[in-house]
Protein backbone atom coordinates (compact mmCIF):
# COMPACT_ATOMS: atom_id res chain seq x y z
CA MET A 1 -11.47 2.64 -18.30
CA GLY A 2 -11.78 -0.79 -16.72
CA ILE A 3 -14.10 -1.83 -13.89
CA LYS A 4 -11.22 -1.78 -11.36
CA ASP A 5 -10.45 1.87 -12.24
CA LYS A 6 -14.13 2.82 -12.00
CA ILE A 7 -14.41 1.22 -8.57
CA ALA A 8 -11.20 2.92 -7.40
CA ARG A 9 -12.46 6.34 -8.58
CA HIS A 10 -15.80 5.82 -6.85
CA ILE A 11 -14.11 4.81 -3.59
CA GLU A 12 -11.79 7.84 -3.79
CA LYS A 13 -14.68 10.23 -4.51
CA VAL A 14 -16.72 8.99 -1.54
CA THR A 15 -13.65 8.97 0.73
CA VAL A 16 -12.83 12.61 -0.14
CA ARG A 17 -16.46 13.61 0.45
CA ASN A 18 -16.40 11.88 3.86
CA LEU A 19 -13.08 13.56 4.72
CA ASN A 20 -14.37 17.03 3.77
CA LYS A 21 -17.51 16.53 5.88
CA GLU A 22 -15.42 15.54 8.91
CA ILE A 23 -12.96 18.42 8.48
CA THR A 24 -15.88 20.87 8.33
CA LYS A 25 -16.94 19.81 11.85
CA TYR A 26 -13.61 20.94 13.37
CA VAL A 27 -13.08 24.33 11.72
CA PHE A 28 -12.76 26.75 14.63
CA GLY A 29 -12.51 30.48 15.35
CA ARG A 30 -12.94 33.60 13.26
CA LYS A 31 -9.90 33.55 10.91
CA VAL A 32 -9.25 30.28 9.10
CA LEU A 33 -6.46 29.38 6.67
CA ASP A 34 -7.10 26.63 4.13
CA ASN A 35 -3.41 25.80 3.55
CA GLY A 36 -2.98 24.09 0.18
CA CYS A 37 -6.65 24.74 -0.45
CA GLY A 38 -7.12 23.20 -3.88
CA SER A 39 -10.78 23.87 -4.65
CA GLY A 40 -11.53 23.88 -0.91
CA SER A 41 -10.65 21.39 1.83
CA PHE A 42 -13.92 21.73 3.72
CA ILE A 43 -17.47 22.97 3.19
CA TYR A 44 -17.05 26.77 3.27
CA GLU A 45 -20.79 27.38 3.06
CA LYS A 46 -21.18 26.00 6.59
CA HIS A 47 -18.80 28.66 7.92
CA LYS A 48 -20.21 31.94 6.58
CA ASP A 49 -19.46 33.56 9.95
CA LYS A 50 -15.70 33.05 9.41
CA GLU A 51 -13.02 34.77 7.36
CA ILE A 52 -11.58 32.02 5.18
CA TYR A 53 -8.21 32.58 3.55
CA GLY A 54 -6.68 30.16 1.06
CA ILE A 55 -3.18 29.56 -0.21
CA ASP A 56 -1.99 27.15 -2.88
CA ILE A 57 0.85 26.88 -5.38
CA VAL A 58 -1.72 26.85 -8.21
CA LYS A 59 -4.30 29.60 -8.85
CA ARG A 60 -7.67 28.51 -7.50
CA GLU A 61 -11.28 29.70 -7.73
CA ILE A 62 -12.10 29.50 -4.03
CA LEU A 63 -13.22 33.12 -3.73
CA ARG A 64 -16.49 32.13 -5.42
CA ARG A 65 -17.05 29.56 -2.70
CA GLY A 66 -16.96 32.22 0.02
CA ALA A 67 -13.29 32.67 0.85
CA LYS A 68 -12.24 36.19 1.84
CA GLU A 69 -8.83 35.99 0.17
CA PHE A 70 -6.66 33.72 -1.95
CA LYS A 71 -2.88 34.01 -2.30
CA LEU A 72 -0.56 32.10 -4.58
CA ALA A 73 1.93 30.75 -2.03
CA SER A 74 3.71 27.67 -0.70
CA SER A 75 2.96 25.92 2.58
CA THR A 76 6.63 26.31 3.48
CA LYS A 77 6.42 30.14 3.31
CA ILE A 78 2.96 31.25 4.42
CA PRO A 79 2.46 34.96 3.55
CA TYR A 80 0.73 35.98 6.78
CA LYS A 81 2.03 37.46 10.00
CA LYS A 82 2.70 35.55 13.20
CA ASP A 83 -0.33 34.60 15.33
CA PHE A 84 -2.83 35.58 12.59
CA PHE A 85 -5.14 32.54 12.38
CA ASP A 86 -7.45 30.81 14.85
CA CYS A 87 -7.47 27.65 12.72
CA VAL A 88 -5.39 26.15 9.92
CA VAL A 89 -6.82 23.38 7.76
CA TYR A 90 -4.06 21.35 6.10
CA SER A 91 -5.69 18.55 4.16
CA GLY A 92 -3.96 16.21 1.75
CA VAL A 93 -0.87 18.39 1.33
CA ILE A 94 1.90 17.31 3.71
CA GLN A 95 2.72 14.20 1.68
CA TYR A 96 3.63 16.49 -1.26
CA ILE A 97 5.98 18.71 0.75
CA LYS A 98 9.63 17.72 0.71
CA ASP A 99 10.50 19.73 3.84
CA TYR A 100 7.41 18.80 5.86
CA GLU A 101 9.02 19.94 9.13
CA LYS A 102 9.34 23.47 7.72
CA THR A 103 5.66 23.57 6.80
CA ILE A 104 4.65 22.47 10.32
CA ARG A 105 6.83 25.26 11.76
CA GLU A 106 5.17 27.76 9.41
CA ILE A 107 1.70 26.60 10.46
CA LYS A 108 2.67 26.98 14.10
CA ARG A 109 4.02 30.48 13.40
CA VAL A 110 0.77 31.76 11.84
CA LEU A 111 -1.52 30.09 14.40
CA LYS A 112 -2.56 32.04 17.49
CA LYS A 113 -1.92 30.57 20.94
CA ASP A 114 -4.47 27.79 21.48
CA GLY A 115 -5.16 27.80 17.72
CA ILE A 116 -6.41 24.63 16.07
CA LEU A 117 -4.65 22.65 13.34
CA VAL A 118 -6.88 20.31 11.36
CA ILE A 119 -4.50 18.07 9.43
CA ALA A 120 -5.36 15.21 7.10
CA THR A 121 -3.02 12.94 5.18
CA VAL A 122 -2.91 9.45 3.75
CA ASN A 123 -2.21 6.56 6.11
CA LYS A 124 0.88 4.51 5.31
CA ASP A 125 -0.60 1.57 7.25
CA SER A 126 -4.08 1.56 5.69
CA LEU A 127 -5.81 -1.71 4.85
CA LEU A 128 -5.70 -0.92 1.12
CA ARG A 129 -1.95 -0.28 1.32
CA ARG A 130 -1.37 -3.46 3.35
CA LEU A 131 -3.28 -5.45 0.72
CA LYS A 132 -1.22 -3.63 -1.96
CA ILE A 133 -4.40 -2.35 -3.62
CA ILE A 134 -2.87 1.10 -3.10
CA ASN A 135 0.88 1.47 -3.51
CA PRO A 136 2.41 1.30 0.01
CA SER A 137 5.18 3.75 -1.00
CA PRO A 138 4.85 7.44 -1.80
CA LYS A 139 3.63 7.95 -5.38
CA LYS A 140 6.71 9.78 -6.70
CA GLU A 141 5.12 10.15 -10.15
CA ALA A 142 2.25 12.07 -8.51
CA GLY A 143 4.65 14.26 -6.53
CA GLU A 144 4.42 12.55 -3.14
CA TYR A 145 7.57 12.64 -1.02
CA ASN A 146 6.36 11.12 2.25
CA ILE A 147 3.52 9.14 3.67
CA PHE A 148 3.01 8.72 7.37
CA SER A 149 1.57 6.24 9.83
CA PHE A 150 -0.65 7.44 12.69
CA LYS A 151 2.30 7.22 15.08
CA GLU A 152 4.66 9.16 12.78
CA ILE A 153 2.31 12.09 12.16
CA ILE A 154 1.36 12.30 15.84
CA ASN A 155 5.03 12.32 16.87
CA LEU A 156 5.78 15.02 14.28
CA LEU A 157 3.04 17.28 15.63
CA LYS A 158 4.06 16.72 19.26
CA LYS A 159 7.70 17.45 18.39
CA HIS A 160 6.60 20.86 17.11
CA GLY A 161 4.57 21.75 20.18
CA PHE A 162 1.07 20.65 19.25
CA LYS A 163 -1.26 18.95 21.70
CA ILE A 164 -3.30 16.19 20.05
CA GLU A 165 -7.01 16.60 20.81
CA LYS A 166 -8.66 14.10 18.46
CA ILE A 167 -7.50 11.37 16.08
CA LEU A 168 -9.77 9.96 13.39
CA GLY A 169 -9.49 7.56 10.51
CA ILE A 170 -11.55 8.43 7.44
CA ASP A 171 -12.40 6.09 4.61
CA TYR A 172 -15.06 4.94 2.18
CA CYS A 173 -16.77 3.01 4.94
CA ILE A 174 -16.48 2.61 8.71
CA MET A 175 -13.46 0.59 9.85
CA PRO A 176 -10.86 0.79 12.62
CA LYS A 177 -9.06 4.13 12.33
CA GLU A 178 -5.62 2.54 12.13
CA LEU A 179 -6.65 0.78 8.90
CA CYS A 180 -8.37 3.75 7.22
CA SER A 181 -6.90 5.34 4.11
CA ASN A 182 -6.78 8.82 5.69
CA ILE A 183 -5.61 10.19 9.01
CA LEU A 184 -7.42 13.23 10.42
CA ILE A 185 -5.92 14.89 13.50
CA ILE A 186 -7.18 17.86 15.45
CA ALA A 187 -4.30 19.47 17.35
CA ARG A 188 -3.95 22.62 19.46
CA LYS A 189 -0.93 24.93 19.47
CA ASP A 190 0.52 25.10 22.98
């Protein structure tokens, strides 16, 4: 592994850690869905008072981290009833979903009225993408279908009846949010 790859891995590791810390601050309510949970999209240990549910298309070991339940499921067909969750965390998943509008509708369906969506995705207009250090197109070989700009993801959420409460950019270091590698949006279901 060359020095460039080592630097890129280090930057990615720190960026993901920063993103998880920020997401943890906005987890709300009693019942929380970590949608596309991976090994956990936020710091579960800081939310022991909550019931954390996880879904992913790959079997995960999140129960050990304090989740109440894990189900093998897709973000486009969430296996919970309408108005079940106070909060849905959806971090680093939407870019891998072909029918991203369907997944936003599903999230809205399972969220209670005034429920919170904490959504994070890569930023199409990030500084690293503009400098072509990161590929400015979706990484098809990694399974990405779409990448969004701040404006595109905000418009998508508004189109589906979400009220934007907070918009953040998350990266390795502090920089203007519009140039950050990751978009983090806190939105409320109307």
